[in-house]
């Protein structure tokens, strides 16, 4: 199993670790297949020991921000009020 250190500011409960409470600066073992899920959260976890035969995931290409045009505004339809009829 891989090991990571919790560097968050206060204790957290980690359901994936059986509901265990992890305290700041504590090193815990995590499943090898979930190692990336922890170390990608750099504000909370730091790597201590990588899984055996670990290959870091390939870097993803940076996505460009696309400019989306605002949807065309649909003009409000105006309808004439129906004149009330008096029967008589």
N, C-alpha and C. Protein backbone atom coordinates (compact mmCIF):
# COMPACT_ATOMS: atom_id res chain seq x y z
N UNK A 1 0.84 -1.19 0.00
CA UNK A 1 0.00 0.00 0.00
C UNK A 1 0.88 1.24 0.00
N UNK A 2 0.36 2.30 -0.60
CA UNK A 2 1.06 3.57 -0.66
C UNK A 2 0.82 4.35 0.63
N UNK A 3 1.66 5.34 0.86
CA UNK A 3 1.50 6.15 2.07
C UNK A 3 1.49 7.63 1.70
N UNK A 4 0.62 8.38 2.38
CA UNK A 4 0.50 9.83 2.19
C UNK A 4 0.42 10.51 3.55
N UNK A 5 0.77 11.79 3.59
CA UNK A 5 0.70 12.58 4.83
C UNK A 5 -0.42 13.60 4.68
N UNK A 6 -1.25 13.67 5.70
CA UNK A 6 -2.33 14.67 5.71
C UNK A 6 -1.75 15.99 6.19
N UNK A 7 -1.87 17.03 5.38
CA UNK A 7 -1.31 18.34 5.74
C UNK A 7 -2.39 19.40 5.91
N UNK A 8 -3.64 18.97 6.00
CA UNK A 8 -4.74 19.90 6.21
C UNK A 8 -4.68 20.52 7.60
N UNK A 9 -5.47 21.56 7.84
CA UNK A 9 -5.40 22.31 9.08
C UNK A 9 -6.07 21.67 10.30
N UNK A 10 -7.02 20.75 10.09
CA UNK A 10 -7.72 20.14 11.22
C UNK A 10 -8.07 18.70 10.88
N UNK A 11 -8.35 17.86 11.88
CA UNK A 11 -8.65 16.45 11.63
C UNK A 11 -9.83 16.27 10.68
N UNK A 12 -9.75 15.22 9.86
CA UNK A 12 -10.84 14.89 8.94
C UNK A 12 -11.17 13.41 9.06
N UNK A 13 -12.40 13.07 8.75
CA UNK A 13 -12.82 11.68 8.70
C UNK A 13 -12.77 11.25 7.25
N UNK A 14 -12.08 10.14 6.98
CA UNK A 14 -11.91 9.66 5.60
C UNK A 14 -12.70 8.36 5.44
N UNK A 15 -13.89 8.44 4.81
CA UNK A 15 -14.73 7.25 4.66
C UNK A 15 -14.01 6.10 3.95
N UNK A 16 -13.18 6.42 2.97
CA UNK A 16 -12.48 5.40 2.21
C UNK A 16 -11.51 4.58 3.08
N UNK A 17 -11.11 5.14 4.19
CA UNK A 17 -10.22 4.44 5.11
C UNK A 17 -10.99 3.86 6.29
N UNK A 18 -12.24 3.51 6.04
CA UNK A 18 -13.07 2.89 7.07
C UNK A 18 -13.63 3.89 8.06
N UNK A 19 -13.74 5.16 7.66
CA UNK A 19 -14.29 6.18 8.55
C UNK A 19 -13.27 6.67 9.57
N UNK A 20 -12.04 6.37 9.32
CA UNK A 20 -10.96 6.74 10.24
C UNK A 20 -10.77 8.26 10.29
N UNK A 21 -10.47 8.80 11.46
CA UNK A 21 -10.14 10.21 11.61
C UNK A 21 -8.64 10.36 11.43
N UNK A 22 -8.26 11.26 10.52
CA UNK A 22 -6.85 11.51 10.23
C UNK A 22 -6.51 12.90 10.73
N UNK A 23 -5.43 13.01 11.48
CA UNK A 23 -5.02 14.27 12.08
C UNK A 23 -3.93 14.94 11.26
N UNK A 24 -3.79 16.27 11.38
CA UNK A 24 -2.74 16.96 10.63
C UNK A 24 -1.36 16.34 10.90
N UNK A 25 -0.57 16.23 9.85
CA UNK A 25 0.79 15.70 9.87
C UNK A 25 0.83 14.19 10.10
N UNK A 26 -0.31 13.51 10.02
CA UNK A 26 -0.35 12.06 10.19
C UNK A 26 -0.12 11.37 8.85
N UNK A 27 0.68 10.30 8.85
CA UNK A 27 0.93 9.50 7.67
C UNK A 27 -0.01 8.30 7.71
N UNK A 28 -0.71 8.06 6.60
CA UNK A 28 -1.65 6.93 6.52
C UNK A 28 -1.37 6.11 5.26
N UNK A 29 -1.74 4.84 5.31
CA UNK A 29 -1.65 3.99 4.14
C UNK A 29 -2.96 4.08 3.37
N UNK A 30 -2.83 4.18 2.05
CA UNK A 30 -4.01 4.26 1.18
C UNK A 30 -3.88 3.18 0.11
N UNK A 31 -5.00 2.73 -0.44
CA UNK A 31 -4.93 1.72 -1.50
C UNK A 31 -4.10 2.23 -2.69
N UNK A 32 -3.27 1.36 -3.25
CA UNK A 32 -2.41 1.76 -4.37
C UNK A 32 -3.19 2.40 -5.51
N UNK A 33 -4.35 1.83 -5.82
CA UNK A 33 -5.13 2.34 -6.95
C UNK A 33 -5.76 3.70 -6.67
N UNK A 34 -5.77 4.14 -5.42
CA UNK A 34 -6.35 5.44 -5.06
C UNK A 34 -5.29 6.49 -4.71
N UNK A 35 -4.02 6.13 -4.81
CA UNK A 35 -2.92 7.03 -4.47
C UNK A 35 -3.03 8.38 -5.19
N UNK A 36 -3.27 8.33 -6.50
CA UNK A 36 -3.38 9.58 -7.28
C UNK A 36 -4.51 10.47 -6.77
N UNK A 37 -5.59 9.85 -6.30
CA UNK A 37 -6.72 10.62 -5.79
C UNK A 37 -6.38 11.44 -4.56
N UNK A 38 -5.39 10.99 -3.81
CA UNK A 38 -4.96 11.74 -2.63
C UNK A 38 -3.92 12.80 -3.01
N UNK A 39 -2.86 12.38 -3.70
CA UNK A 39 -1.76 13.32 -3.96
C UNK A 39 -2.13 14.42 -4.94
N UNK A 40 -3.22 14.27 -5.68
CA UNK A 40 -3.64 15.36 -6.57
C UNK A 40 -4.27 16.50 -5.76
N UNK A 41 -4.65 16.23 -4.51
CA UNK A 41 -5.20 17.26 -3.62
C UNK A 41 -4.04 17.87 -2.82
N UNK A 42 -3.22 18.64 -3.49
CA UNK A 42 -1.98 19.13 -2.92
C UNK A 42 -2.15 20.03 -1.70
N UNK A 43 -3.31 20.58 -1.50
CA UNK A 43 -3.54 21.42 -0.32
C UNK A 43 -3.81 20.56 0.92
N UNK A 44 -4.11 19.27 0.72
CA UNK A 44 -4.47 18.40 1.85
C UNK A 44 -3.53 17.22 2.07
N UNK A 45 -2.93 16.71 1.00
CA UNK A 45 -2.12 15.50 1.10
C UNK A 45 -0.79 15.68 0.39
N UNK A 46 0.25 15.05 0.93
CA UNK A 46 1.53 15.03 0.23
C UNK A 46 2.03 13.59 0.17
N UNK A 47 2.72 13.24 -0.92
CA UNK A 47 3.20 11.87 -1.05
C UNK A 47 4.29 11.54 -0.04
N UNK A 48 4.28 10.33 0.46
CA UNK A 48 5.33 9.84 1.35
C UNK A 48 6.00 8.64 0.69
N UNK A 49 5.17 7.66 0.26
CA UNK A 49 5.69 6.46 -0.39
C UNK A 49 4.76 6.07 -1.52
N UNK A 50 5.29 6.07 -2.74
CA UNK A 50 4.48 5.71 -3.90
C UNK A 50 4.19 4.21 -3.90
N UNK A 51 3.14 3.83 -4.61
CA UNK A 51 2.84 2.39 -4.72
C UNK A 51 3.97 1.69 -5.50
N UNK A 52 4.11 0.40 -5.29
CA UNK A 52 5.08 -0.38 -6.07
C UNK A 52 4.70 -0.30 -7.55
N UNK A 53 5.68 -0.21 -8.40
CA UNK A 53 5.47 -0.13 -9.85
C UNK A 53 4.56 1.03 -10.23
N UNK A 54 4.79 2.17 -9.60
CA UNK A 54 3.94 3.34 -9.83
C UNK A 54 4.39 4.09 -11.07
N UNK A 55 3.48 4.44 -11.91
CA UNK A 55 3.73 5.29 -13.07
C UNK A 55 2.81 6.49 -12.93
N UNK A 56 3.40 7.65 -12.78
CA UNK A 56 2.61 8.87 -12.63
C UNK A 56 1.74 9.06 -13.87
N UNK A 57 0.52 9.57 -13.69
CA UNK A 57 -0.35 9.79 -14.84
C UNK A 57 0.25 10.84 -15.77
N UNK A 58 0.00 10.70 -17.05
CA UNK A 58 0.48 11.66 -18.03
C UNK A 58 -0.18 13.01 -17.79
N UNK A 59 0.58 14.05 -18.04
CA UNK A 59 0.03 15.40 -17.86
C UNK A 59 -1.07 15.62 -18.89
N UNK A 60 -2.11 16.21 -18.45
CA UNK A 60 -3.21 16.52 -19.36
C UNK A 60 -2.91 17.82 -20.08
N UNK A 61 -3.26 17.91 -21.35
CA UNK A 61 -3.04 19.18 -22.05
C UNK A 61 -3.92 20.26 -21.45
N UNK A 62 -3.37 21.45 -21.40
CA UNK A 62 -4.12 22.56 -20.81
C UNK A 62 -5.26 22.93 -21.74
N UNK A 63 -6.42 23.11 -21.18
CA UNK A 63 -7.58 23.47 -21.99
C UNK A 63 -7.64 24.98 -22.13
N UNK A 64 -7.98 25.40 -23.31
CA UNK A 64 -8.13 26.82 -23.57
C UNK A 64 -9.53 27.25 -23.18
N UNK A 65 -9.61 28.45 -22.64
CA UNK A 65 -10.93 28.98 -22.32
C UNK A 65 -11.62 29.35 -23.63
N UNK A 66 -12.82 28.92 -23.77
CA UNK A 66 -13.57 29.25 -24.97
C UNK A 66 -14.55 30.35 -24.65
N UNK A 67 -14.70 31.21 -25.58
CA UNK A 67 -15.63 32.32 -25.41
C UNK A 67 -16.98 31.87 -25.93
N UNK A 68 -17.95 31.95 -25.08
CA UNK A 68 -19.29 31.57 -25.49
C UNK A 68 -20.13 32.82 -25.64
N UNK A 69 -20.81 32.86 -26.74
CA UNK A 69 -21.68 34.01 -26.96
C UNK A 69 -22.94 33.86 -26.12
N UNK A 70 -23.42 34.98 -25.65
CA UNK A 70 -24.66 34.96 -24.88
C UNK A 70 -25.78 34.54 -25.81
N UNK A 71 -26.71 33.76 -25.32
CA UNK A 71 -27.82 33.35 -26.18
C UNK A 71 -28.62 34.57 -26.65
N UNK A 72 -29.10 34.48 -27.87
CA UNK A 72 -29.89 35.58 -28.41
C UNK A 72 -31.13 35.77 -27.55
N UNK A 73 -31.41 37.00 -27.27
CA UNK A 73 -32.56 37.28 -26.43
C UNK A 73 -33.83 37.18 -27.26
N UNK A 74 -34.77 36.44 -26.77
CA UNK A 74 -36.03 36.25 -27.48
C UNK A 74 -36.93 37.43 -27.13
N UNK A 75 -37.38 38.15 -28.16
CA UNK A 75 -38.25 39.30 -27.86
C UNK A 75 -39.56 38.82 -27.25
N UNK A 76 -40.01 39.58 -26.29
CA UNK A 76 -41.27 39.25 -25.64
C UNK A 76 -42.40 39.49 -26.62
N UNK A 77 -43.35 38.60 -26.64
CA UNK A 77 -44.49 38.79 -27.54
C UNK A 77 -45.54 39.61 -26.81
N UNK A 78 -46.10 40.50 -27.54
CA UNK A 78 -47.14 41.35 -26.95
C UNK A 78 -48.47 40.93 -27.56
N UNK A 79 -49.40 40.74 -26.69
CA UNK A 79 -50.72 40.40 -27.18
C UNK A 79 -51.70 41.44 -26.68
N UNK A 80 -52.63 41.72 -27.51
CA UNK A 80 -53.64 42.71 -27.14
C UNK A 80 -54.58 42.08 -26.13
N UNK A 81 -54.92 42.86 -25.14
CA UNK A 81 -55.86 42.36 -24.15
C UNK A 81 -57.22 42.24 -24.81
N UNK A 82 -57.88 41.18 -24.52
CA UNK A 82 -59.20 40.97 -25.11
C UNK A 82 -60.19 41.89 -24.41
N UNK A 83 -60.95 42.57 -25.18
CA UNK A 83 -61.96 43.48 -24.63
C UNK A 83 -63.08 42.62 -24.04
N UNK A 84 -63.49 43.03 -22.87
CA UNK A 84 -64.57 42.27 -22.24
C UNK A 84 -65.88 42.60 -22.93
N UNK A 85 -66.68 41.59 -23.11
CA UNK A 85 -67.96 41.79 -23.78
C UNK A 85 -69.07 41.78 -22.75
N UNK A 86 -69.98 42.65 -22.98
CA UNK A 86 -71.16 42.65 -22.14
C UNK A 86 -72.28 42.01 -22.91
N UNK A 87 -72.87 41.02 -22.28
CA UNK A 87 -73.99 40.37 -22.96
C UNK A 87 -75.26 41.09 -22.58
N UNK A 88 -76.08 41.26 -23.52
CA UNK A 88 -77.27 41.95 -23.14
C UNK A 88 -78.32 42.05 -24.09
